[in-house]
Amino acid sequence: MKTVPSPKFSWALLSPKYWLVWLSFSLLAFLVNVLPFFMLRVLGGGIGRLSQLFLKKRADIARKNLALCFPQYSSIEIEKLVLENFKNTGLALIETGMAWFWPDWRVKRYISIIGKEKILEQEKEGRGVLVVCCHFLNLEMTARIFSLFAPGYGVYRANSNPVYEFIQHRGRTRKGHQMIDRHDVKSMIKVLKSGNRLWYLPDHDYGRRNSVFVPFFAVKEAATTTGSSFLIDMTKCAVMSGSSIRKGNHYTLEVGDDLSGDIPRRDAVTTATVLNKEIERLIEKEPSQWMWLHKRFKTLPEDSIEQDRYKHSALAN
């Protein structure tokens, strides 16, 4: 399979127009390695609270997402969740630094893993695993925890800023993970057919093309990618969720059961429905840690009941 190569250093990366990027990541690396974790949490939460003052449109998107998914929540409960979501968004910046710059011994101090034997058993049998992840805000830490016992391949989107890309790629691959370009479906198939693990995130709205409309929480017709179904059909891989939840200072990574037995071949609707149910189960563990600031419901089925709920909403723009 073809992996995304690590960007090579060139003197052009030291151009003054990139100094702010170098400075920002240098400061981040310094802070995460010097400050104790409880102070990093306070710092991250403060950044998130401050960002809410400036990202009013994103806050509105989060409110509408939460109201649509959890109509049983009161406005007060939604506002509490929006605030916590922004705090976790700020902490995500700090967690990125932790994932990319912390040594293994410090990562191990704050984690536990449930079900790792499930994914390792698939490796012994030579069977590839589609690891279904969610856009939890601690996603970088989840990937780092996996690298400690089950490194694999991530679906990768390169950053347009060459210095950011130089740092990002090294941060994500320095402990054994490799990256596959998000458009390189052939390599994804090869990864799974060769008995390796591929991390895949099917929980966002990726547009009308190659999507089906299935339930996601209280939304009855949410655009959901058919990419998962295609990869499963082509490789007969195992399908397991893998996401971590943070409680206080501790991250718990849970590896789910193999879902492939519940997924019929060449049935994209059933596949998307099964995976959305699993994603819902994970989000319900700690709703404030999922990426509600994303426009999850921007793509709508035409002439549907759902259309009336969204037509006056910023989510449909």
C-alpha atoms as a PDB file:
ATOM      1  CA  MET A   1       0.000   0.000   0.000  1.00  0.00           C
ATOM      2  CA  LYS A   2       1.062   3.583  -0.593  1.00  0.00           C
ATOM      3  CA  THR A   3       1.535   5.707   2.523  1.00  0.00           C
ATOM      4  CA  VAL A   4       1.870   9.467   2.837  1.00  0.00           C
ATOM      5  CA  PRO A   5       5.626  10.149   3.136  1.00  0.00           C
ATOM      6  CA  SER A   6       6.963  12.347   5.891  1.00  0.00           C
ATOM      7  CA  PRO A   7       7.575  15.876   4.545  1.00  0.00           C
ATOM      8  CA  LYS A   8      11.250  16.680   4.150  1.00  0.00           C
ATOM      9  CA  PHE A   9      12.808  19.667   5.835  1.00  0.00           C
ATOM     10  CA  SER A  10      13.926  22.519   3.613  1.00  0.00           C
ATOM     11  CA  TRP A  11      15.357  25.929   4.395  1.00  0.00           C
ATOM     12  CA  ALA A  12      12.218  27.465   2.903  1.00  0.00           C
ATOM     13  CA  LEU A  13      10.359  26.306   6.027  1.00  0.00           C
ATOM     14  CA  LEU A  14      12.361  28.856   8.025  1.00  0.00           C
ATOM     15  CA  SER A  15      10.945  31.760   6.040  1.00  0.00           C
ATOM     16  CA  PRO A  16       9.691  34.593   8.304  1.00  0.00           C
ATOM     17  CA  LYS A  17       6.107  33.965   7.140  1.00  0.00           C
ATOM     18  CA  TYR A  18       6.236  30.648   9.027  1.00  0.00           C
ATOM     19  CA  TRP A  19       7.835  31.912  12.235  1.00  0.00           C
ATOM     20  CA  LEU A  20       4.503  32.221  14.033  1.00  0.00           C
ATOM     21  CA  VAL A  21       3.702  28.554  13.326  1.00  0.00           C
ATOM     22  CA  TRP A  22       7.119  27.432  14.616  1.00  0.00           C
ATOM     23  CA  LEU A  23       6.728  29.646  17.675  1.00  0.00           C
ATOM     24  CA  SER A  24       3.216  28.386  18.420  1.00  0.00           C
ATOM     25  CA  PHE A  25       4.184  24.711  18.301  1.00  0.00           C
ATOM     26  CA  SER A  26       7.397  25.348  20.238  1.00  0.00           C
ATOM     27  CA  LEU A  27       5.371  27.048  22.968  1.00  0.00           C
ATOM     28  CA  LEU A  28       2.831  24.214  22.952  1.00  0.00           C
ATOM     29  CA  ALA A  29       5.567  21.568  23.243  1.00  0.00           C
ATOM     30  CA  PHE A  30       7.165  23.518  26.104  1.00  0.00           C
ATOM     31  CA  LEU A  31       3.926  23.978  28.040  1.00  0.00           C
ATOM     32  CA  VAL A  32       2.718  20.374  27.809  1.00  0.00           C
ATOM     33  CA  ASN A  33       6.084  19.067  28.976  1.00  0.00           C
ATOM     34  CA  VAL A  34       6.562  21.544  31.828  1.00  0.00           C
ATOM     35  CA  LEU A  35       3.111  22.080  33.334  1.00  0.00           C
ATOM     36  CA  PRO A  36       1.342  19.411  35.417  1.00  0.00           C
ATOM     37  CA  PHE A  37      -1.750  17.906  33.846  1.00  0.00           C
ATOM     38  CA  PHE A  38      -4.254  19.652  36.114  1.00  0.00           C
ATOM     39  CA  MET A  39      -2.826  23.017  35.023  1.00  0.00           C
ATOM     40  CA  LEU A  40      -2.974  21.965  31.372  1.00  0.00           C
ATOM     41  CA  ARG A  41      -6.660  21.158  31.852  1.00  0.00           C
ATOM     42  CA  VAL A  42      -7.287  24.577  33.372  1.00  0.00           C
ATOM     43  CA  LEU A  43      -5.384  26.254  30.545  1.00  0.00           C
ATOM     44  CA  GLY A  44      -7.261  24.306  27.868  1.00  0.00           C
ATOM     45  CA  GLY A  45     -10.628  25.015  29.442  1.00  0.00           C
ATOM     46  CA  GLY A  46      -9.779  28.721  29.645  1.00  0.00           C
ATOM     47  CA  ILE A  47      -8.835  28.799  25.977  1.00  0.00           C
ATOM     48  CA  GLY A  48     -12.143  27.155  25.140  1.00  0.00           C
ATOM     49  CA  ARG A  49     -14.224  29.560  27.220  1.00  0.00           C
ATOM     50  CA  LEU A  50     -12.445  32.490  25.615  1.00  0.00           C
ATOM     51  CA  SER A  51     -12.963  31.120  22.110  1.00  0.00           C
ATOM     52  CA  GLN A  52     -16.715  30.900  22.704  1.00  0.00           C
ATOM     53  CA  LEU A  53     -16.809  34.689  22.930  1.00  0.00           C
ATOM     54  CA  PHE A  54     -15.455  34.984  19.397  1.00  0.00           C
ATOM     55  CA  LEU A  55     -16.965  31.923  17.719  1.00  0.00           C
ATOM     56  CA  LYS A  56     -20.629  32.822  18.094  1.00  0.00           C
ATOM     57  CA  LYS A  57     -21.669  31.115  14.859  1.00  0.00           C
ATOM     58  CA  ARG A  58     -20.014  27.883  15.968  1.00  0.00           C
ATOM     59  CA  ALA A  59     -21.748  28.144  19.329  1.00  0.00           C
ATOM     60  CA  ASP A  60     -25.063  28.507  17.496  1.00  0.00           C
ATOM     61  CA  ILE A  61     -24.279  25.423  15.393  1.00  0.00           C
ATOM     62  CA  ALA A  62     -23.539  23.437  18.555  1.00  0.00           C
ATOM     63  CA  ARG A  63     -26.824  24.542  20.138  1.00  0.00           C
ATOM     64  CA  LYS A  64     -28.822  23.517  17.080  1.00  0.00           C
ATOM     65  CA  ASN A  65     -27.023  20.193  16.735  1.00  0.00           C
ATOM     66  CA  LEU A  66     -27.714  19.368  20.362  1.00  0.00           C
ATOM     67  CA  ALA A  67     -31.345  20.502  20.176  1.00  0.00           C
ATOM     68  CA  LEU A  68     -31.937  18.339  17.102  1.00  0.00           C
ATOM     69  CA  CYS A  69     -30.234  15.259  18.534  1.00  0.00           C
ATOM     70  CA  PHE A  70     -31.604  15.598  22.081  1.00  0.00           C
ATOM     71  CA  PRO A  71     -35.039  17.269  21.895  1.00  0.00           C
ATOM     72  CA  GLN A  72     -35.661  16.134  25.470  1.00  0.00           C
ATOM     73  CA  TYR A  73     -32.966  18.513  26.759  1.00  0.00           C
ATOM     74  CA  SER A  74     -33.989  21.869  28.176  1.00  0.00           C
ATOM     75  CA  SER A  75     -32.375  25.089  26.944  1.00  0.00           C
ATOM     76  CA  ILE A  76     -30.449  25.273  30.216  1.00  0.00           C
ATOM     77  CA  GLU A  77     -29.064  21.754  29.722  1.00  0.00           C
ATOM     78  CA  ILE A  78     -28.061  22.595  26.161  1.00  0.00           C
ATOM     79  CA  GLU A  79     -26.270  25.771  27.245  1.00  0.00           C
ATOM     80  CA  LYS A  80     -24.343  23.789  29.838  1.00  0.00           C
ATOM     81  CA  LEU A  81     -23.325  21.287  27.191  1.00  0.00           C
ATOM     82  CA  VAL A  82     -22.281  24.031  24.770  1.00  0.00           C
ATOM     83  CA  LEU A  83     -20.045  25.580  27.416  1.00  0.00           C
ATOM     84  CA  GLU A  84     -18.477  22.232  28.287  1.00  0.00           C
ATOM     85  CA  ASN A  85     -18.048  21.494  24.588  1.00  0.00           C
ATOM     86  CA  PHE A  86     -16.104  24.710  24.089  1.00  0.00           C
ATOM     87  CA  LYS A  87     -13.956  23.961  27.142  1.00  0.00           C
ATOM     88  CA  ASN A  88     -13.164  20.552  25.676  1.00  0.00           C
ATOM     89  CA  THR A  89     -12.449  22.191  22.323  1.00  0.00           C
ATOM     90  CA  GLY A  90      -9.834  24.369  23.989  1.00  0.00           C
ATOM     91  CA  LEU A  91      -8.442  21.356  25.779  1.00  0.00           C
ATOM     92  CA  ALA A  92      -8.193  19.573  22.407  1.00  0.00           C
ATOM     93  CA  LEU A  93      -5.396  21.978  21.487  1.00  0.00           C
ATOM     94  CA  ILE A  94      -3.500  21.008  24.628  1.00  0.00           C
ATOM     95  CA  GLU A  95      -4.248  17.309  24.076  1.00  0.00           C
ATOM     96  CA  THR A  96      -2.769  17.562  20.588  1.00  0.00           C
ATOM     97  CA  GLY A  97       0.464  18.759  22.158  1.00  0.00           C
ATOM     98  CA  MET A  98       0.306  15.964  24.719  1.00  0.00           C
ATOM     99  CA  ALA A  99      -0.224  13.349  22.006  1.00  0.00           C
ATOM    100  CA  TRP A 100       2.555  14.671  19.776  1.00  0.00           C
ATOM    101  CA  PHE A 101       5.155  15.670  22.360  1.00  0.00           C
ATOM    102  CA  TRP A 102       4.684  13.621  25.532  1.00  0.00           C
ATOM    103  CA  PRO A 103       6.949  10.623  26.209  1.00  0.00           C
ATOM    104  CA  ASP A 104       5.303   7.208  26.542  1.00  0.00           C
ATOM    105  CA  TRP A 105       5.761   7.010  30.304  1.00  0.00           C
ATOM    106  CA  ARG A 106       3.700  10.161  30.836  1.00  0.00           C
ATOM    107  CA  VAL A 107       0.900   9.010  28.526  1.00  0.00           C
ATOM    108  CA  LYS A 108       0.695   5.682  30.371  1.00  0.00           C
ATOM    109  CA  ARG A 109       0.255   7.482  33.699  1.00  0.00           C
ATOM    110  CA  TYR A 110      -3.175   8.812  32.681  1.00  0.00           C
ATOM    111  CA  ILE A 111      -4.759   6.009  30.671  1.00  0.00           C
ATOM    112  CA  SER A 112      -6.504   2.654  30.870  1.00  0.00           C
ATOM    113  CA  ILE A 113      -7.559   0.384  28.027  1.00  0.00           C
ATOM    114  CA  ILE A 114     -10.644  -1.828  27.873  1.00  0.00           C
ATOM    115  CA  GLY A 115     -10.885  -4.620  25.323  1.00  0.00           C
ATOM    116  CA  LYS A 116      -7.455  -4.420  23.711  1.00  0.00           C
ATOM    117  CA  GLU A 117      -7.335  -8.227  23.533  1.00  0.00           C
ATOM    118  CA  LYS A 118     -10.220  -8.073  21.017  1.00  0.00           C
ATOM    119  CA  ILE A 119      -8.240  -6.157  18.431  1.00  0.00           C
ATOM    120  CA  LEU A 120      -5.025  -8.087  19.088  1.00  0.00           C
ATOM    121  CA  GLU A 121      -6.875 -11.368  18.553  1.00  0.00           C
ATOM    122  CA  GLN A 122      -7.853 -10.212  15.059  1.00  0.00           C
ATOM    123  CA  GLU A 123      -4.168  -9.503  14.396  1.00  0.00           C
ATOM    124  CA  LYS A 124      -3.248 -13.070  15.405  1.00  0.00           C
ATOM    125  CA  GLU A 125      -5.819 -14.375  12.942  1.00  0.00           C
ATOM    126  CA  GLY A 126      -4.432 -12.152  10.187  1.00  0.00           C
ATOM    127  CA  ARG A 127      -7.726 -10.318   9.760  1.00  0.00           C
ATOM    128  CA  GLY A 128      -7.830  -6.616   9.008  1.00  0.00           C
ATOM    129  CA  VAL A 129      -9.805  -4.320  11.297  1.00  0.00           C
ATOM    130  CA  LEU A 130     -11.740  -1.219  10.319  1.00  0.00           C
ATOM    131  CA  VAL A 131     -11.420   0.803  13.521  1.00  0.00           C
ATOM    132  CA  VAL A 132     -14.461   3.066  13.648  1.00  0.00           C
ATOM    133  CA  CYS A 133     -13.563   6.225  15.528  1.00  0.00           C
ATOM    134  CA  CYS A 134     -15.643   9.249  16.438  1.00  0.00           C
ATOM    135  CA  HIS A 135     -14.723  12.908  16.225  1.00  0.00           C
ATOM    136  CA  PHE A 136     -14.221  13.145  19.959  1.00  0.00           C
ATOM    137  CA  LEU A 137     -12.203  16.230  20.765  1.00  0.00           C
ATOM    138  CA  ASN A 138      -9.470  14.085  22.336  1.00  0.00           C
ATOM    139  CA  LEU A 139      -9.002  12.188  19.060  1.00  0.00           C
ATOM    140  CA  GLU A 140      -5.237  12.822  18.954  1.00  0.00           C
ATOM    141  CA  MET A 141      -4.864  11.282  22.389  1.00  0.00           C
ATOM    142  CA  THR A 142      -6.939   8.292  21.276  1.00  0.00           C
ATOM    143  CA  ALA A 143      -4.554   7.724  18.376  1.00  0.00           C
ATOM    144  CA  ARG A 144      -1.556   8.052  20.691  1.00  0.00           C
ATOM    145  CA  ILE A 145      -2.991   5.502  23.136  1.00  0.00           C
ATOM    146  CA  PHE A 146      -3.558   3.049  20.285  1.00  0.00           C
ATOM    147  CA  SER A 147       0.080   3.480  19.239  1.00  0.00           C
ATOM    148  CA  LEU A 148       1.160   1.974  22.562  1.00  0.00           C
ATOM    149  CA  PHE A 149      -0.274  -1.460  21.748  1.00  0.00           C
ATOM    150  CA  ALA A 150      -1.829  -1.517  18.263  1.00  0.00           C
ATOM    151  CA  PRO A 151      -0.366   0.938  15.747  1.00  0.00           C
ATOM    152  CA  GLY A 152      -1.988   1.064  12.329  1.00  0.00           C
ATOM    153  CA  TYR A 153      -2.981   3.310   9.445  1.00  0.00           C
ATOM    154  CA  GLY A 154      -4.894   6.567   9.647  1.00  0.00           C
ATOM    155  CA  VAL A 155      -6.928   8.199   6.893  1.00  0.00           C
ATOM    156  CA  TYR A 156      -5.038  11.437   6.414  1.00  0.00           C
ATOM    157  CA  ARG A 157      -5.719  14.955   5.175  1.00  0.00           C
ATOM    158  CA  ALA A 158      -2.560  16.992   4.699  1.00  0.00           C
ATOM    159  CA  ASN A 159      -2.442  20.586   5.915  1.00  0.00           C
ATOM    160  CA  SER A 160      -1.917  23.305   3.321  1.00  0.00           C
ATOM    161  CA  ASN A 161       0.605  25.122   5.522  1.00  0.00           C
ATOM    162  CA  PRO A 162       3.949  23.352   4.914  1.00  0.00           C
ATOM    163  CA  VAL A 163       5.312  23.937   8.429  1.00  0.00           C
ATOM    164  CA  TYR A 164       2.083  22.812  10.070  1.00  0.00           C
ATOM    165  CA  GLU A 165       2.125  19.749   7.824  1.00  0.00           C
ATOM    166  CA  PHE A 166       5.797  19.060   8.679  1.00  0.00           C
ATOM    167  CA  ILE A 167       4.960  19.029  12.399  1.00  0.00           C
ATOM    168  CA  GLN A 168       1.568  17.345  12.119  1.00  0.00           C
ATOM    169  CA  HIS A 169       2.779  14.366  10.100  1.00  0.00           C
ATOM    170  CA  ARG A 170       5.672  13.726  12.485  1.00  0.00           C
ATOM    171  CA  GLY A 171       3.393  14.108  15.481  1.00  0.00           C
ATOM    172  CA  ARG A 172       0.974  11.504  14.192  1.00  0.00           C
ATOM    173  CA  THR A 173       3.525   8.980  12.926  1.00  0.00           C
ATOM    174  CA  ARG A 174       6.390   9.181  15.430  1.00  0.00           C
ATOM    175  CA  LYS A 175       5.101   6.201  17.445  1.00  0.00           C
ATOM    176  CA  GLY A 176       4.386   3.740  14.667  1.00  0.00           C
ATOM    177  CA  HIS A 177       1.213   4.902  12.933  1.00  0.00           C
ATOM    178  CA  GLN A 178       1.293   5.414   9.169  1.00  0.00           C
ATOM    179  CA  MET A 179      -0.921   7.646   7.058  1.00  0.00           C
ATOM    180  CA  ILE A 180      -3.025   6.871   3.978  1.00  0.00           C
ATOM    181  CA  ASP A 181      -4.258   9.747   1.838  1.00  0.00           C
ATOM    182  CA  ARG A 182      -8.021  10.171   2.276  1.00  0.00           C
ATOM    183  CA  HIS A 183      -8.549   9.809  -1.491  1.00  0.00           C
ATOM    184  CA  ASP A 184      -6.416   6.652  -1.801  1.00  0.00           C
ATOM    185  CA  VAL A 185      -9.123   4.011  -1.470  1.00  0.00           C
ATOM    186  CA  LYS A 186      -6.958   1.327  -3.099  1.00  0.00           C
ATOM    187  CA  SER A 187      -4.387   1.612  -0.333  1.00  0.00           C
ATOM    188  CA  MET A 188      -7.109   1.495   2.323  1.00  0.00           C
ATOM    189  CA  ILE A 189      -8.333  -1.775   0.841  1.00  0.00           C
ATOM    190  CA  LYS A 190      -4.780  -3.158   0.759  1.00  0.00           C
ATOM    191  CA  VAL A 191      -4.298  -2.246   4.429  1.00  0.00           C
ATOM    192  CA  LEU A 192      -7.379  -4.221   5.447  1.00  0.00           C
ATOM    193  CA  LYS A 193      -6.739  -7.167   3.129  1.00  0.00           C
ATOM    194  CA  SER A 194      -3.199  -7.493   4.489  1.00  0.00           C
ATOM    195  CA  GLY A 195      -4.508  -7.933   8.044  1.00  0.00           C
ATOM    196  CA  ASN A 196      -3.710  -4.439   9.298  1.00  0.00           C
ATOM    197  CA  ARG A 197      -5.792  -1.819  11.095  1.00  0.00           C
ATOM    198  CA  LEU A 198      -7.342   1.219   9.405  1.00  0.00           C
ATOM    199  CA  TRP A 199      -8.739   4.098  11.448  1.00  0.00           C
ATOM    200  CA  TYR A 200     -11.899   5.500   9.869  1.00  0.00           C
ATOM    201  CA  LEU A 201     -14.235   8.294  11.030  1.00  0.00           C
ATOM    202  CA  PRO A 202     -17.731   8.007   9.502  1.00  0.00           C
ATOM    203  CA  ASP A 203     -19.552  10.327  11.938  1.00  0.00           C
ATOM    204  CA  HIS A 204     -19.453  13.640  10.024  1.00  0.00           C
ATOM    205  CA  ASP A 205     -21.516  14.949   7.134  1.00  0.00           C
ATOM    206  CA  TYR A 206     -19.316  14.554   4.050  1.00  0.00           C
ATOM    207  CA  GLY A 207     -21.877  15.754   1.531  1.00  0.00           C
ATOM    208  CA  ARG A 208     -24.563  14.205  -0.631  1.00  0.00           C
ATOM    209  CA  ARG A 209     -22.232  12.205  -2.855  1.00  0.00           C
ATOM    210  CA  ASN A 210     -21.681   8.635  -1.616  1.00  0.00           C
ATOM    211  CA  SER A 211     -24.009   9.113   1.356  1.00  0.00           C
ATOM    212  CA  VAL A 212     -27.196   7.524   2.610  1.00  0.00           C
ATOM    213  CA  PHE A 213     -29.750   9.067   4.960  1.00  0.00           C
ATOM    214  CA  VAL A 214     -30.178   7.114   8.183  1.00  0.00           C
ATOM    215  CA  PRO A 215     -31.012   7.981  11.810  1.00  0.00           C
ATOM    216  CA  PHE A 216     -28.522   9.737  14.038  1.00  0.00           C
ATOM    217  CA  PHE A 217     -30.000  10.273  17.502  1.00  0.00           C
ATOM    218  CA  ALA A 218     -33.383  12.035  17.031  1.00  0.00           C
ATOM    219  CA  VAL A 219     -32.607  13.095  13.463  1.00  0.00           C
ATOM    220  CA  LYS A 220     -34.264  10.490  11.254  1.00  0.00           C
ATOM    221  CA  GLU A 221     -32.411  11.256   8.020  1.00  0.00           C
ATOM    222  CA  ALA A 222     -28.788  12.241   8.609  1.00  0.00           C
ATOM    223  CA  ALA A 223     -26.339  12.089   5.708  1.00  0.00           C
ATOM    224  CA  THR A 224     -23.893   9.271   6.484  1.00  0.00           C
ATOM    225  CA  THR A 225     -20.992   8.089   4.334  1.00  0.00           C
ATOM    226  CA  THR A 226     -21.214   4.830   2.393  1.00  0.00           C
ATOM    227  CA  GLY A 227     -17.413   4.539   2.477  1.00  0.00           C
ATOM    228  CA  SER A 228     -17.575   2.228   5.486  1.00  0.00           C
ATOM    229  CA  SER A 229     -19.835  -0.199   3.642  1.00  0.00           C
ATOM    230  CA  PHE A 230     -17.585  -0.213   0.586  1.00  0.00           C
ATOM    231  CA  LEU A 231     -14.448  -0.997   2.589  1.00  0.00           C
ATOM    232  CA  ILE A 232     -16.203  -3.757   4.535  1.00  0.00           C
ATOM    233  CA  ASP A 233     -17.643  -5.308   1.369  1.00  0.00           C
ATOM    234  CA  MET A 234     -14.294  -5.284  -0.399  1.00  0.00           C
ATOM    235  CA  THR A 235     -12.220  -6.761   2.442  1.00  0.00           C
ATOM    236  CA  LYS A 236     -14.507  -8.759   4.780  1.00  0.00           C
ATOM    237  CA  CYS A 237     -12.663  -7.084   7.650  1.00  0.00           C
ATOM    238  CA  ALA A 238     -13.600  -6.981  11.301  1.00  0.00           C
ATOM    239  CA  VAL A 239     -15.349  -3.765  12.378  1.00  0.00           C
ATOM    240  CA  MET A 240     -14.604  -2.400  15.834  1.00  0.00           C
ATOM    241  CA  SER A 241     -15.113   0.971  17.453  1.00  0.00           C
ATOM    242  CA  GLY A 242     -12.239   2.615  19.273  1.00  0.00           C
ATOM    243  CA  SER A 243     -12.610   5.887  21.157  1.00  0.00           C
ATOM    244  CA  SER A 244     -11.496   7.280  24.483  1.00  0.00           C
ATOM    245  CA  ILE A 245     -13.412   9.244  27.088  1.00  0.00           C
ATOM    246  CA  ARG A 246     -11.750  11.535  29.602  1.00  0.00           C
ATOM    247  CA  LYS A 247     -13.011  11.618  33.183  1.00  0.00           C
ATOM    248  CA  GLY A 248     -11.069  14.120  35.228  1.00  0.00           C
ATOM    249  CA  ASN A 249      -7.388  13.383  34.649  1.00  0.00           C
ATOM    250  CA  HIS A 250      -7.935   9.917  33.207  1.00  0.00           C
ATOM    251  CA  TYR A 251      -8.514   8.658  29.655  1.00  0.00           C
ATOM    252  CA  THR A 252     -10.251   5.324  29.112  1.00  0.00           C
ATOM    253  CA  LEU A 253      -9.918   3.814  25.660  1.00  0.00           C
ATOM    254  CA  GLU A 254     -12.626   1.274  24.869  1.00  0.00           C
ATOM    255  CA  VAL A 255     -12.281  -1.201  22.007  1.00  0.00           C
ATOM    256  CA  GLY A 256     -15.762  -2.364  20.984  1.00  0.00           C
ATOM    257  CA  ASP A 257     -16.964  -5.792  19.908  1.00  0.00           C
ATOM    258  CA  ASP A 258     -16.689  -6.891  16.286  1.00  0.00           C
ATOM    259  CA  LEU A 259     -19.777  -5.555  14.490  1.00  0.00           C
ATOM    260  CA  SER A 260     -19.161  -7.258  11.163  1.00  0.00           C
ATOM    261  CA  GLY A 261     -21.655 -10.000  11.968  1.00  0.00           C
ATOM    262  CA  ASP A 262     -24.441  -7.374  12.106  1.00  0.00           C
ATOM    263  CA  ILE A 263     -23.476  -5.860   8.755  1.00  0.00           C
ATOM    264  CA  PRO A 264     -24.822  -7.580   5.613  1.00  0.00           C
ATOM    265  CA  ARG A 265     -22.778  -7.260   2.434  1.00  0.00           C
ATOM    266  CA  ARG A 266     -23.766  -4.696  -0.183  1.00  0.00           C
ATOM    267  CA  ASP A 267     -26.219  -2.975   2.131  1.00  0.00           C
ATOM    268  CA  ALA A 268     -24.955   0.569   2.702  1.00  0.00           C
ATOM    269  CA  VAL A 269     -28.099   1.651   4.567  1.00  0.00           C
ATOM    270  CA  THR A 270     -27.871  -1.114   7.166  1.00  0.00           C
ATOM    271  CA  THR A 271     -24.124  -0.588   7.543  1.00  0.00           C
ATOM    272  CA  ALA A 272     -24.549   3.137   8.168  1.00  0.00           C
ATOM    273  CA  THR A 273     -27.399   2.465  10.603  1.00  0.00           C
ATOM    274  CA  VAL A 274     -25.380  -0.067  12.620  1.00  0.00           C
ATOM    275  CA  LEU A 275     -22.338   2.206  12.787  1.00  0.00           C
ATOM    276  CA  ASN A 276     -24.400   5.264  13.752  1.00  0.00           C
ATOM    277  CA  LYS A 277     -25.912   3.261  16.605  1.00  0.00           C
ATOM    278  CA  GLU A 278     -22.431   2.377  17.830  1.00  0.00           C
ATOM    279  CA  ILE A 279     -21.322   5.985  17.523  1.00  0.00           C
ATOM    280  CA  GLU A 280     -24.391   7.116  19.474  1.00  0.00           C
ATOM    281  CA  ARG A 281     -23.495   4.633  22.228  1.00  0.00           C
ATOM    282  CA  LEU A 282     -20.043   6.133  22.516  1.00  0.00           C
ATOM    283  CA  ILE A 283     -21.191   9.763  22.430  1.00  0.00           C
ATOM    284  CA  GLU A 284     -23.779   9.117  25.140  1.00  0.00           C
ATOM    285  CA  LYS A 285     -20.941   8.226  27.518  1.00  0.00           C
ATOM    286  CA  GLU A 286     -19.826  11.870  27.511  1.00  0.00           C
ATOM    287  CA  PRO A 287     -21.772  14.089  25.056  1.00  0.00           C
ATOM    288  CA  SER A 288     -19.738  17.214  25.824  1.00  0.00           C
ATOM    289  CA  GLN A 289     -16.581  15.653  24.343  1.00  0.00           C
ATOM    290  CA  TRP A 290     -17.890  15.111  20.799  1.00  0.00           C
ATOM    291  CA  MET A 291     -17.398  17.755  18.057  1.00  0.00           C
ATOM    292  CA  TRP A 292     -20.803  19.465  18.096  1.00  0.00           C
ATOM    293  CA  LEU A 293     -19.339  22.598  16.489  1.00  0.00           C
ATOM    294  CA  HIS A 294     -19.291  20.785  13.142  1.00  0.00           C
ATOM    295  CA  LYS A 295     -22.285  21.189  10.780  1.00  0.00           C
ATOM    296  CA  ARG A 296     -23.420  17.608  11.138  1.00  0.00           C
ATOM    297  CA  PHE A 297     -26.727  18.128   9.318  1.00  0.00           C
ATOM    298  CA  LYS A 298     -25.810  20.457   6.462  1.00  0.00           C
ATOM    299  CA  THR A 299     -26.813  17.879   3.811  1.00  0.00           C
ATOM    300  CA  LEU A 300     -30.506  17.057   3.773  1.00  0.00           C
ATOM    301  CA  PRO A 301     -32.666  14.724   1.714  1.00  0.00           C
ATOM    302  CA  GLU A 302     -34.751  16.701  -0.737  1.00  0.00           C
ATOM    303  CA  ASP A 303     -38.480  17.047  -0.058  1.00  0.00           C
ATOM    304  CA  SER A 304     -38.221  15.241   3.268  1.00  0.00           C
ATOM    305  CA  ILE A 305     -39.902  15.833   6.586  1.00  0.00           C
ATOM    306  CA  GLU A 306     -36.504  16.790   7.975  1.00  0.00           C
ATOM    307  CA  GLN A 307     -36.178  19.598   5.422  1.00  0.00           C
ATOM    308  CA  ASP A 308     -38.834  21.650   7.192  1.00  0.00           C
ATOM    309  CA  ARG A 309     -36.900  21.416  10.453  1.00  0.00           C
ATOM    310  CA  TYR A 310     -33.729  22.799   8.891  1.00  0.00           C
ATOM    311  CA  LYS A 311     -34.754  25.260   6.196  1.00  0.00           C
ATOM    312  CA  HIS A 312     -34.523  28.273   8.526  1.00  0.00           C
ATOM    313  CA  SER A 313     -31.424  26.932  10.288  1.00  0.00           C
ATOM    314  CA  ALA A 314     -27.800  27.981   9.793  1.00  0.00           C
ATOM    315  CA  LEU A 315     -27.026  24.262   9.667  1.00  0.00           C
ATOM    316  CA  ALA A 316     -28.549  24.070   6.209  1.00  0.00           C
ATOM    317  CA  ASN A 317     -26.345  26.805   4.783  1.00  0.00           C
END
